[in-house]
PDB file of all heavy atoms in Angstrom:
ATOM      1  N   CYS A   1     -13.561  -4.892  -5.206  1.00  0.00           N
ATOM      2  CA  CYS A   1     -13.551  -5.458  -6.559  1.00  0.00           C
ATOM      3  C   CYS A   1     -12.440  -4.811  -7.363  1.00  0.00           C
ATOM      4  O   CYS A   1     -11.925  -3.739  -7.000  1.00  0.00           O
ATOM      5  CB  CYS A   1     -14.895  -5.313  -7.254  1.00  0.00           C
ATOM      6  SG  CYS A   1     -15.405  -3.612  -7.610  1.00  0.00           S
ATOM      7  N   ILE A   2     -12.071  -5.480  -8.458  1.00  0.00           N
ATOM      8  CA  ILE A   2     -10.992  -4.990  -9.311  1.00  0.00           C
ATOM      9  C   ILE A   2     -11.359  -5.272 -10.757  1.00  0.00           C
ATOM     10  O   ILE A   2     -11.900  -6.325 -11.085  1.00  0.00           O
ATOM     11  CB  ILE A   2      -9.647  -5.645  -8.914  1.00  0.00           C
ATOM     12  CG1 ILE A   2      -8.474  -5.014  -9.662  1.00  0.00           C
ATOM     13  CG2 ILE A   2      -9.680  -7.162  -9.115  1.00  0.00           C
ATOM     14  CD1 ILE A   2      -7.105  -5.414  -9.070  1.00  0.00           C
ATOM     15  N   SER A   3     -11.093  -4.304 -11.612  1.00  0.00           N
ATOM     16  CA  SER A   3     -11.406  -4.454 -13.023  1.00  0.00           C
ATOM     17  C   SER A   3     -10.463  -5.455 -13.676  1.00  0.00           C
ATOM     18  O   SER A   3      -9.439  -5.846 -13.101  1.00  0.00           O
ATOM     19  CB  SER A   3     -11.286  -3.102 -13.723  1.00  0.00           C
ATOM     20  OG  SER A   3      -9.949  -2.633 -13.656  1.00  0.00           O
ATOM     21  N   ARG A   4     -10.772  -5.835 -14.883  1.00  0.00           N
ATOM     22  CA  ARG A   4      -9.974  -6.851 -15.560  1.00  0.00           C
ATOM     23  C   ARG A   4      -8.530  -6.402 -15.767  1.00  0.00           C
ATOM     24  O   ARG A   4      -7.611  -7.212 -15.739  1.00  0.00           O
ATOM     25  CB  ARG A   4     -10.608  -7.210 -16.901  1.00  0.00           C
ATOM     26  CG  ARG A   4     -10.737  -6.067 -17.888  1.00  0.00           C
ATOM     27  CD  ARG A   4     -11.062  -6.584 -19.273  1.00  0.00           C
ATOM     28  NE  ARG A   4      -9.942  -7.345 -19.806  1.00  0.00           N
ATOM     29  CZ  ARG A   4      -8.985  -6.831 -20.558  1.00  0.00           C
ATOM     30  NH1 ARG A   4      -9.004  -5.545 -20.863  1.00  0.00           N
ATOM     31  NH2 ARG A   4      -8.012  -7.583 -21.030  1.00  0.00           N
ATOM     32  N   SER A   5      -8.342  -5.121 -15.963  1.00  0.00           N
ATOM     33  CA  SER A   5      -6.986  -4.620 -16.181  1.00  0.00           C
ATOM     34  C   SER A   5      -6.258  -4.357 -14.867  1.00  0.00           C
ATOM     35  O   SER A   5      -5.031  -4.192 -14.859  1.00  0.00           O
ATOM     36  CB  SER A   5      -7.041  -3.312 -16.977  1.00  0.00           C
ATOM     37  OG  SER A   5      -7.580  -2.270 -16.177  1.00  0.00           O
ATOM     38  N   GLY A   6      -7.013  -4.281 -13.786  1.00  0.00           N
ATOM     39  CA  GLY A   6      -6.415  -3.900 -12.503  1.00  0.00           C
ATOM     40  C   GLY A   6      -6.347  -2.403 -12.298  1.00  0.00           C
ATOM     41  O   GLY A   6      -5.934  -1.933 -11.235  1.00  0.00           O
ATOM     42  N   GLY A   7      -6.784  -1.641 -13.290  1.00  0.00           N
ATOM     43  CA  GLY A   7      -6.670  -0.200 -13.207  1.00  0.00           C
ATOM     44  C   GLY A   7      -7.758   0.475 -12.394  1.00  0.00           C
ATOM     45  O   GLY A   7      -7.647   1.655 -12.050  1.00  0.00           O
ATOM     46  N   PHE A   8      -8.805  -0.260 -12.075  1.00  0.00           N
ATOM     47  CA  PHE A   8      -9.893   0.299 -11.270  1.00  0.00           C
ATOM     48  C   PHE A   8     -10.166  -0.639 -10.112  1.00  0.00           C
ATOM     49  O   PHE A   8     -10.310  -1.841 -10.291  1.00  0.00           O
ATOM     50  CB  PHE A   8     -11.153   0.452 -12.130  1.00  0.00           C
ATOM     51  CG  PHE A   8     -12.313   1.040 -11.393  1.00  0.00           C
ATOM     52  CD1 PHE A   8     -12.560   2.404 -11.413  1.00  0.00           C
ATOM     53  CD2 PHE A   8     -13.174   0.231 -10.659  1.00  0.00           C
ATOM     54  CE1 PHE A   8     -13.625   2.949 -10.732  1.00  0.00           C
ATOM     55  CE2 PHE A   8     -14.258   0.759  -9.967  1.00  0.00           C
ATOM     56  CZ  PHE A   8     -14.476   2.123 -10.011  1.00  0.00           C
ATOM     57  N   THR A   9     -10.226  -0.082  -8.919  1.00  0.00           N
ATOM     58  CA  THR A   9     -10.563  -0.852  -7.730  1.00  0.00           C
ATOM     59  C   THR A   9     -11.616  -0.104  -6.915  1.00  0.00           C
ATOM     60  O   THR A   9     -11.743   1.128  -7.025  1.00  0.00           O
ATOM     61  CB  THR A   9      -9.334  -1.106  -6.842  1.00  0.00           C
ATOM     62  OG1 THR A   9      -8.774   0.148  -6.445  1.00  0.00           O
ATOM     63  CG2 THR A   9      -8.288  -1.927  -7.567  1.00  0.00           C
ATOM     64  N   SER A  10     -12.327  -0.850  -6.112  1.00  0.00           N
ATOM     65  CA  SER A  10     -13.353  -0.250  -5.266  1.00  0.00           C
ATOM     66  C   SER A  10     -13.396  -1.001  -3.945  1.00  0.00           C
ATOM     67  O   SER A  10     -13.121  -2.211  -3.900  1.00  0.00           O
ATOM     68  CB  SER A  10     -14.720  -0.319  -5.967  1.00  0.00           C
ATOM     69  OG  SER A  10     -15.739   0.231  -5.163  1.00  0.00           O
ATOM     70  N   TYR A  11     -13.729  -0.268  -2.864  1.00  0.00           N
ATOM     71  CA  TYR A  11     -13.776  -0.859  -1.532  1.00  0.00           C
ATOM     72  C   TYR A  11     -15.027  -0.370  -0.801  1.00  0.00           C
ATOM     73  O   TYR A  11     -15.422   0.788  -0.948  1.00  0.00           O
ATOM     74  CB  TYR A  11     -12.548  -0.455  -0.706  1.00  0.00           C
ATOM     75  CG  TYR A  11     -11.237  -0.863  -1.312  1.00  0.00           C
ATOM     76  CD1 TYR A  11     -10.561  -0.033  -2.197  1.00  0.00           C
ATOM     77  CD2 TYR A  11     -10.659  -2.093  -0.993  1.00  0.00           C
ATOM     78  CE1 TYR A  11      -9.354  -0.415  -2.761  1.00  0.00           C
ATOM     79  CE2 TYR A  11      -9.444  -2.476  -1.542  1.00  0.00           C
ATOM     80  CZ  TYR A  11      -8.810  -1.631  -2.433  1.00  0.00           C
ATOM     81  OH  TYR A  11      -7.613  -2.013  -2.985  1.00  0.00           O
ATOM     82  N   VAL A  12     -15.579  -1.238   0.010  1.00  0.00           N
ATOM     83  CA  VAL A  12     -16.645  -0.796   0.906  1.00  0.00           C
ATOM     84  C   VAL A  12     -16.008   0.116   1.955  1.00  0.00           C
ATOM     85  O   VAL A  12     -14.832  -0.048   2.313  1.00  0.00           O
ATOM     86  CB  VAL A  12     -17.353  -2.012   1.551  1.00  0.00           C
ATOM     87  CG1 VAL A  12     -16.437  -2.749   2.505  1.00  0.00           C
ATOM     88  CG2 VAL A  12     -18.638  -1.595   2.231  1.00  0.00           C
ATOM     89  N   ASP A  13     -16.768   1.089   2.427  1.00  0.00           N
ATOM     90  CA  ASP A  13     -16.210   2.106   3.322  1.00  0.00           C
ATOM     91  C   ASP A  13     -15.531   1.502   4.556  1.00  0.00           C
ATOM     92  O   ASP A  13     -14.501   2.015   5.018  1.00  0.00           O
ATOM     93  CB  ASP A  13     -17.303   3.073   3.777  1.00  0.00           C
ATOM     94  CG  ASP A  13     -17.710   4.050   2.680  1.00  0.00           C
ATOM     95  OD1 ASP A  13     -16.987   4.143   1.670  1.00  0.00           O
ATOM     96  OD2 ASP A  13     -18.746   4.707   2.844  1.00  0.00           O
ATOM     97  N   SER A  14     -16.084   0.415   5.077  1.00  0.00           N
ATOM     98  CA  SER A  14     -15.569  -0.147   6.330  1.00  0.00           C
ATOM     99  C   SER A  14     -14.177  -0.751   6.212  1.00  0.00           C
ATOM    100  O   SER A  14     -13.538  -1.022   7.233  1.00  0.00           O
ATOM    101  CB  SER A  14     -16.545  -1.204   6.861  1.00  0.00           C
ATOM    102  OG  SER A  14     -16.700  -2.252   5.935  1.00  0.00           O
ATOM    103  N   VAL A  15     -13.686  -0.980   4.988  1.00  0.00           N
ATOM    104  CA  VAL A  15     -12.356  -1.579   4.833  1.00  0.00           C
ATOM    105  C   VAL A  15     -11.369  -0.657   4.134  1.00  0.00           C
ATOM    106  O   VAL A  15     -10.196  -1.010   3.976  1.00  0.00           O
ATOM    107  CB  VAL A  15     -12.424  -2.928   4.077  1.00  0.00           C
ATOM    108  CG1 VAL A  15     -13.442  -3.865   4.720  1.00  0.00           C
ATOM    109  CG2 VAL A  15     -12.704  -2.733   2.594  1.00  0.00           C
ATOM    110  N   LYS A  16     -11.837   0.498   3.704  1.00  0.00           N
ATOM    111  CA  LYS A  16     -10.935   1.433   3.015  1.00  0.00           C
ATOM    112  C   LYS A  16      -9.747   1.767   3.903  1.00  0.00           C
ATOM    113  O   LYS A  16      -9.894   1.961   5.107  1.00  0.00           O
ATOM    114  CB  LYS A  16     -11.691   2.704   2.644  1.00  0.00           C
ATOM    115  CG  LYS A  16     -12.599   2.547   1.436  1.00  0.00           C
ATOM    116  CD  LYS A  16     -13.302   3.841   1.096  1.00  0.00           C
ATOM    117  CE  LYS A  16     -14.200   3.660  -0.119  1.00  0.00           C
ATOM    118  NZ  LYS A  16     -14.964   4.899  -0.431  1.00  0.00           N
ATOM    119  N   SER A  17      -8.603   1.839   3.336  1.00  0.00           N
ATOM    120  CA  SER A  17      -7.302   2.121   3.958  1.00  0.00           C
ATOM    121  C   SER A  17      -6.766   0.931   4.733  1.00  0.00           C
ATOM    122  O   SER A  17      -5.623   0.965   5.209  1.00  0.00           O
ATOM    123  CB  SER A  17      -7.344   3.360   4.874  1.00  0.00           C
ATOM    124  OG  SER A  17      -7.932   3.049   6.125  1.00  0.00           O
ATOM    125  N   ARG A  18      -7.548  -0.144   4.873  1.00  0.00           N
ATOM    126  CA  ARG A  18      -7.061  -1.343   5.577  1.00  0.00           C
ATOM    127  C   ARG A  18      -6.839  -2.520   4.624  1.00  0.00           C
ATOM    128  O   ARG A  18      -5.943  -3.329   4.835  1.00  0.00           O
ATOM    129  CB  ARG A  18      -8.052  -1.762   6.662  1.00  0.00           C
ATOM    130  CG  ARG A  18      -8.268  -0.715   7.734  1.00  0.00           C
ATOM    131  CD  ARG A  18      -9.086  -1.264   8.905  1.00  0.00           C
ATOM    132  NE  ARG A  18     -10.422  -1.685   8.525  1.00  0.00           N
ATOM    133  CZ  ARG A  18     -10.893  -2.915   8.707  1.00  0.00           C
ATOM    134  NH1 ARG A  18     -10.130  -3.856   9.244  1.00  0.00           N
ATOM    135  NH2 ARG A  18     -12.137  -3.220   8.350  1.00  0.00           N
ATOM    136  N   PHE A  19      -7.691  -2.632   3.604  1.00  0.00           N
ATOM    137  CA  PHE A  19      -7.609  -3.743   2.665  1.00  0.00           C
ATOM    138  C   PHE A  19      -7.090  -3.242   1.321  1.00  0.00           C
ATOM    139  O   PHE A  19      -7.385  -2.111   0.913  1.00  0.00           O
ATOM    140  CB  PHE A  19      -8.988  -4.365   2.436  1.00  0.00           C
ATOM    141  CG  PHE A  19      -9.564  -5.119   3.618  1.00  0.00           C
ATOM    142  CD1 PHE A  19      -8.996  -5.049   4.880  1.00  0.00           C
ATOM    143  CD2 PHE A  19     -10.678  -5.922   3.447  1.00  0.00           C
ATOM    144  CE1 PHE A  19      -9.518  -5.742   5.956  1.00  0.00           C
ATOM    145  CE2 PHE A  19     -11.231  -6.628   4.506  1.00  0.00           C
ATOM    146  CZ  PHE A  19     -10.646  -6.533   5.760  1.00  0.00           C
ATOM    147  N   THR A  20      -6.366  -4.114   0.626  1.00  0.00           N
ATOM    148  CA  THR A  20      -5.880  -3.796  -0.710  1.00  0.00           C
ATOM    149  C   THR A  20      -6.101  -4.989  -1.632  1.00  0.00           C
ATOM    150  O   THR A  20      -5.666  -6.097  -1.314  1.00  0.00           O
ATOM    151  CB  THR A  20      -4.391  -3.443  -0.696  1.00  0.00           C
ATOM    152  OG1 THR A  20      -4.152  -2.348   0.203  1.00  0.00           O
ATOM    153  CG2 THR A  20      -3.918  -3.056  -2.096  1.00  0.00           C
ATOM    154  N   ILE A  21      -6.756  -4.742  -2.739  1.00  0.00           N
ATOM    155  CA  ILE A  21      -6.986  -5.793  -3.731  1.00  0.00           C
ATOM    156  C   ILE A  21      -5.984  -5.619  -4.873  1.00  0.00           C
ATOM    157  O   ILE A  21      -5.657  -4.484  -5.255  1.00  0.00           O
ATOM    158  CB  ILE A  21      -8.439  -5.766  -4.258  1.00  0.00           C
ATOM    159  CG1 ILE A  21      -8.750  -7.010  -5.082  1.00  0.00           C
ATOM    160  CG2 ILE A  21      -8.723  -4.487  -5.047  1.00  0.00           C
ATOM    161  CD1 ILE A  21     -10.235  -7.149  -5.431  1.00  0.00           C
ATOM    162  N   SER A  22      -5.502  -6.725  -5.398  1.00  0.00           N
ATOM    163  CA  SER A  22      -4.581  -6.674  -6.526  1.00  0.00           C
ATOM    164  C   SER A  22      -4.744  -7.942  -7.349  1.00  0.00           C
ATOM    165  O   SER A  22      -5.335  -8.920  -6.886  1.00  0.00           O
ATOM    166  CB  SER A  22      -3.136  -6.525  -6.043  1.00  0.00           C
ATOM    167  OG  SER A  22      -2.767  -7.624  -5.240  1.00  0.00           O
ATOM    168  N   ARG A  23      -4.218  -7.913  -8.541  1.00  0.00           N
ATOM    169  CA  ARG A  23      -4.315  -9.097  -9.388  1.00  0.00           C
ATOM    170  C   ARG A  23      -3.015  -9.305 -10.143  1.00  0.00           C
ATOM    171  O   ARG A  23      -2.307  -8.341 -10.464  1.00  0.00           O
ATOM    172  CB  ARG A  23      -5.495  -8.986 -10.356  1.00  0.00           C
ATOM    173  CG  ARG A  23      -5.397  -7.907 -11.413  1.00  0.00           C
ATOM    174  CD  ARG A  23      -6.727  -7.773 -12.144  1.00  0.00           C
ATOM    175  NE  ARG A  23      -7.090  -8.995 -12.834  1.00  0.00           N
ATOM    176  CZ  ARG A  23      -8.333  -9.300 -13.182  1.00  0.00           C
ATOM    177  NH1 ARG A  23      -9.340  -8.481 -12.903  1.00  0.00           N
ATOM    178  NH2 ARG A  23      -8.578 -10.435 -13.815  1.00  0.00           N
ATOM    179  N   ASP A  24      -2.741 -10.564 -10.418  1.00  0.00           N
ATOM    180  CA  ASP A  24      -1.578 -10.954 -11.211  1.00  0.00           C
ATOM    181  C   ASP A  24      -2.114 -11.872 -12.299  1.00  0.00           C
ATOM    182  O   ASP A  24      -2.280 -13.076 -12.076  1.00  0.00           O
ATOM    183  CB  ASP A  24      -0.542 -11.655 -10.331  1.00  0.00           C
ATOM    184  CG  ASP A  24       0.743 -11.953 -11.071  1.00  0.00           C
ATOM    185  OD1 ASP A  24       0.709 -12.015 -12.329  1.00  0.00           O
ATOM    186  OD2 ASP A  24       1.768 -12.146 -10.413  1.00  0.00           O
ATOM    187  N   ASN A  25      -2.391 -11.304 -13.448  1.00  0.00           N
ATOM    188  CA  ASN A  25      -3.001 -12.105 -14.517  1.00  0.00           C
ATOM    189  C   ASN A  25      -2.045 -13.193 -15.016  1.00  0.00           C
ATOM    190  O   ASN A  25      -2.490 -14.245 -15.484  1.00  0.00           O
ATOM    191  CB  ASN A  25      -3.437 -11.201 -15.667  1.00  0.00           C
ATOM    192  CG  ASN A  25      -4.683 -10.398 -15.321  1.00  0.00           C
ATOM    193  OD1 ASN A  25      -5.383 -10.689 -14.346  1.00  0.00           O
ATOM    194  ND2 ASN A  25      -4.972  -9.369 -16.102  1.00  0.00           N
ATOM    195  N   ALA A  26      -0.766 -12.969 -14.903  1.00  0.00           N
ATOM    196  CA  ALA A  26       0.189 -13.991 -15.323  1.00  0.00           C
ATOM    197  C   ALA A  26       0.099 -15.236 -14.444  1.00  0.00           C
ATOM    198  O   ALA A  26       0.310 -16.356 -14.911  1.00  0.00           O
ATOM    199  CB  ALA A  26       1.604 -13.430 -15.298  1.00  0.00           C
ATOM    200  N   LYS A  27      -0.232 -15.011 -13.152  1.00  0.00           N
ATOM    201  CA  LYS A  27      -0.371 -16.129 -12.218  1.00  0.00           C
ATOM    202  C   LYS A  27      -1.824 -16.570 -12.071  1.00  0.00           C
ATOM    203  O   LYS A  27      -2.116 -17.492 -11.320  1.00  0.00           O
ATOM    204  CB  LYS A  27       0.198 -15.746 -10.859  1.00  0.00           C
ATOM    205  CG  LYS A  27       1.697 -15.512 -10.878  1.00  0.00           C
ATOM    206  CD  LYS A  27       2.216 -15.189  -9.479  1.00  0.00           C
ATOM    207  CE  LYS A  27       3.717 -14.998  -9.496  1.00  0.00           C
ATOM    208  NZ  LYS A  27       4.258 -14.678  -8.144  1.00  0.00           N
ATOM    209  N   ASN A  28      -2.723 -15.831 -12.765  1.00  0.00           N
ATOM    210  CA  ASN A  28      -4.143 -16.181 -12.725  1.00  0.00           C
ATOM    211  C   ASN A  28      -4.708 -16.131 -11.309  1.00  0.00           C
ATOM    212  O   ASN A  28      -5.521 -16.975 -10.912  1.00  0.00           O
ATOM    213  CB  ASN A  28      -4.377 -17.575 -13.322  1.00  0.00           C
ATOM    214  CG  ASN A  28      -5.617 -17.625 -14.195  1.00  0.00           C
ATOM    215  OD1 ASN A  28      -6.081 -16.604 -14.711  1.00  0.00           O
ATOM    216  ND2 ASN A  28      -6.165 -18.818 -14.354  1.00  0.00           N
ATOM    217  N   THR A  29      -4.273 -15.117 -10.553  1.00  0.00           N
ATOM    218  CA  THR A  29      -4.715 -14.984  -9.169  1.00  0.00           C
ATOM    219  C   THR A  29      -5.099 -13.548  -8.844  1.00  0.00           C
ATOM    220  O   THR A  29      -4.610 -12.599  -9.472  1.00  0.00           O
ATOM    221  CB  THR A  29      -3.636 -15.430  -8.176  1.00  0.00           C
ATOM    222  OG1 THR A  29      -2.476 -14.621  -8.381  1.00  0.00           O
ATOM    223  CG2 THR A  29      -3.276 -16.890  -8.351  1.00  0.00           C
ATOM    224  N   VAL A  30      -5.945 -13.423  -7.841  1.00  0.00           N
ATOM    225  CA  VAL A  30      -6.303 -12.127  -7.275  1.00  0.00           C
ATOM    226  C   VAL A  30      -6.089 -12.229  -5.770  1.00  0.00           C
ATOM    227  O   VAL A  30      -6.411 -13.247  -5.162  1.00  0.00           O
ATOM    228  CB  VAL A  30      -7.760 -11.763  -7.589  1.00  0.00           C
ATOM    229  CG1 VAL A  30      -8.164 -10.480  -6.870  1.00  0.00           C
ATOM    230  CG2 VAL A  30      -7.948 -11.600  -9.096  1.00  0.00           C
ATOM    231  N   THR A  31      -5.539 -11.182  -5.196  1.00  0.00           N
ATOM    232  CA  THR A  31      -5.178 -11.187  -3.792  1.00  0.00           C
ATOM    233  C   THR A  31      -5.907 -10.075  -3.048  1.00  0.00           C
ATOM    234  O   THR A  31      -6.113  -8.988  -3.593  1.00  0.00           O
ATOM    235  CB  THR A  31      -3.660 -10.991  -3.636  1.00  0.00           C
ATOM    236  OG1 THR A  31      -2.991 -12.078  -4.282  1.00  0.00           O
ATOM    237  CG2 THR A  31      -3.255 -10.954  -2.181  1.00  0.00           C
ATOM    238  N   LEU A  32      -6.277 -10.372  -1.819  1.00  0.00           N
ATOM    239  CA  LEU A  32      -6.854  -9.361  -0.934  1.00  0.00           C
ATOM    240  C   LEU A  32      -5.979  -9.297   0.313  1.00  0.00           C
ATOM    241  O   LEU A  32      -5.983 -10.226   1.118  1.00  0.00           O
ATOM    242  CB  LEU A  32      -8.290  -9.699  -0.567  1.00  0.00           C
ATOM    243  CG  LEU A  32      -9.019  -8.641   0.275  1.00  0.00           C
ATOM    244  CD1 LEU A  32      -9.270  -7.386  -0.561  1.00  0.00           C
ATOM    245  CD2 LEU A  32     -10.341  -9.177   0.825  1.00  0.00           C
ATOM    246  N   GLN A  33      -5.209  -8.231   0.426  1.00  0.00           N
ATOM    247  CA  GLN A  33      -4.376  -8.019   1.602  1.00  0.00           C
ATOM    248  C   GLN A  33      -5.214  -7.303   2.646  1.00  0.00           C
ATOM    249  O   GLN A  33      -5.739  -6.211   2.387  1.00  0.00           O
ATOM    250  CB  GLN A  33      -3.146  -7.187   1.247  1.00  0.00           C
ATOM    251  CG  GLN A  33      -2.249  -6.859   2.420  1.00  0.00           C
ATOM    252  CD  GLN A  33      -1.571  -8.076   3.013  1.00  0.00           C
ATOM    253  OE1 GLN A  33      -1.076  -8.927   2.285  1.00  0.00           O
ATOM    254  NE2 GLN A  33      -1.551  -8.166   4.344  1.00  0.00           N
ATOM    255  N   MET A  34      -5.327  -7.900   3.818  1.00  0.00           N
ATOM    256  CA  MET A  34      -6.168  -7.344   4.884  1.00  0.00           C
ATOM    257  C   MET A  34      -5.300  -7.009   6.091  1.00  0.00           C
ATOM    258  O   MET A  34      -4.696  -7.901   6.690  1.00  0.00           O
ATOM    259  CB  MET A  34      -7.260  -8.345   5.271  1.00  0.00           C
ATOM    260  CG  MET A  34      -8.080  -8.839   4.089  1.00  0.00           C
ATOM    261  SD  MET A  34      -9.499  -9.836   4.579  1.00  0.00           S
ATOM    262  CE  MET A  34      -8.675 -11.217   5.348  1.00  0.00           C
ATOM    263  N   ASN A  35      -5.219  -5.738   6.414  1.00  0.00           N
ATOM    264  CA  ASN A  35      -4.438  -5.263   7.551  1.00  0.00           C
ATOM    265  C   ASN A  35      -5.352  -4.659   8.612  1.00  0.00           C
ATOM    266  O   ASN A  35      -6.515  -4.349   8.336  1.00  0.00           O
ATOM    267  CB  ASN A  35      -3.424  -4.217   7.090  1.00  0.00           C
ATOM    268  CG  ASN A  35      -2.435  -4.759   6.087  1.00  0.00           C
ATOM    269  OD1 ASN A  35      -2.057  -5.920   6.126  1.00  0.00           O
ATOM    270  ND2 ASN A  35      -1.992  -3.906   5.174  1.00  0.00           N
ATOM    271  N   SER A  36      -4.808  -4.491   9.790  1.00  0.00           N
ATOM    272  CA  SER A  36      -5.551  -3.870  10.902  1.00  0.00           C
ATOM    273  C   SER A  36      -6.930  -4.505  11.067  1.00  0.00           C
ATOM    274  O   SER A  36      -7.950  -3.819  11.180  1.00  0.00           O
ATOM    275  CB  SER A  36      -5.694  -2.361  10.663  1.00  0.00           C
ATOM    276  OG  SER A  36      -4.437  -1.753  10.513  1.00  0.00           O
ATOM    277  N   LEU A  37      -6.942  -5.812  11.087  1.00  0.00           N
ATOM    278  CA  LEU A  37      -8.210  -6.534  11.140  1.00  0.00           C
ATOM    279  C   LEU A  37      -8.952  -6.280  12.440  1.00  0.00           C
ATOM    280  O   LEU A  37      -8.332  -6.120  13.513  1.00  0.00           O
ATOM    281  CB  LEU A  37      -7.974  -8.019  10.926  1.00  0.00           C
ATOM    282  CG  LEU A  37      -7.704  -8.407   9.464  1.00  0.00           C
ATOM    283  CD1 LEU A  37      -7.026  -9.764   9.376  1.00  0.00           C
ATOM    284  CD2 LEU A  37      -9.011  -8.393   8.680  1.00  0.00           C
ATOM    285  N   LYS A  38     -10.268  -6.275  12.330  1.00  0.00           N
ATOM    286  CA  LYS A  38     -11.149  -6.020  13.463  1.00  0.00           C
ATOM    287  C   LYS A  38     -12.094  -7.209  13.654  1.00  0.00           C
ATOM    288  O   LYS A  38     -12.359  -7.944  12.696  1.00  0.00           O
ATOM    289  CB  LYS A  38     -11.988  -4.775  13.199  1.00  0.00           C
ATOM    290  CG  LYS A  38     -11.184  -3.526  12.886  1.00  0.00           C
ATOM    291  CD  LYS A  38     -12.101  -2.368  12.536  1.00  0.00           C
ATOM    292  CE  LYS A  38     -11.303  -1.116  12.212  1.00  0.00           C
ATOM    293  NZ  LYS A  38     -12.194   0.030  11.865  1.00  0.00           N
ATOM    294  N   PRO A  39     -12.614  -7.400  14.846  1.00  0.00           N
ATOM    295  CA  PRO A  39     -13.557  -8.509  15.055  1.00  0.00           C
ATOM    296  C   PRO A  39     -14.734  -8.478  14.083  1.00  0.00           C
ATOM    297  O   PRO A  39     -15.223  -9.536  13.664  1.00  0.00           O
ATOM    298  CB  PRO A  39     -14.009  -8.300  16.498  1.00  0.00           C
ATOM    299  CG  PRO A  39     -12.842  -7.645  17.167  1.00  0.00           C
ATOM    300  CD  PRO A  39     -12.275  -6.730  16.115  1.00  0.00           C
ATOM    301  N   GLU A  40     -15.155  -7.305  13.685  1.00  0.00           N
ATOM    302  CA  GLU A  40     -16.286  -7.205  12.756  1.00  0.00           C
ATOM    303  C   GLU A  40     -15.942  -7.625  11.329  1.00  0.00           C
ATOM    304  O   GLU A  40     -16.813  -7.699  10.473  1.00  0.00           O
ATOM    305  CB  GLU A  40     -16.867  -5.788  12.748  1.00  0.00           C
ATOM    306  CG  GLU A  40     -15.859  -4.683  12.559  1.00  0.00           C
ATOM    307  CD  GLU A  40     -15.406  -4.079  13.876  1.00  0.00           C
ATOM    308  OE1 GLU A  40     -15.153  -4.831  14.840  1.00  0.00           O
ATOM    309  OE2 GLU A  40     -15.286  -2.824  13.930  1.00  0.00           O
ATOM    310  N   ASP A  41     -14.667  -7.913  11.081  1.00  0.00           N
ATOM    311  CA  ASP A  41     -14.268  -8.461   9.773  1.00  0.00           C
ATOM    312  C   ASP A  41     -14.467  -9.972   9.716  1.00  0.00           C
ATOM    313  O   ASP A  41     -14.295 -10.584   8.656  1.00  0.00           O
ATOM    314  CB  ASP A  41     -12.806  -8.150   9.474  1.00  0.00           C
ATOM    315  CG  ASP A  41     -12.544  -6.665   9.312  1.00  0.00           C
ATOM    316  OD1 ASP A  41     -13.351  -5.985   8.648  1.00  0.00           O
ATOM    317  OD2 ASP A  41     -11.516  -6.182   9.836  1.00  0.00           O
ATOM    318  N   THR A  42     -14.826 -10.576  10.834  1.00  0.00           N
ATOM    319  CA  THR A  42     -15.031 -12.019  10.876  1.00  0.00           C
ATOM    320  C   THR A  42     -16.178 -12.425   9.950  1.00  0.00           C
ATOM    321  O   THR A  42     -17.283 -11.900  10.039  1.00  0.00           O
ATOM    322  CB  THR A  42     -15.337 -12.465  12.313  1.00  0.00           C
ATOM    323  OG1 THR A  42     -14.196 -12.224  13.137  1.00  0.00           O
ATOM    324  CG2 THR A  42     -15.704 -13.944  12.357  1.00  0.00           C
TER     325      THR A  42
END
């Protein structure tokens, strides 16, 4: 999850260091970058 300002983020332990959440309020979008994906991420 990500706060409205983008200044606070939180991750479940199983995705920490692999996933990154970000937001672009100008584009009205939020992105979840997922790296090093595992079958259990399905």
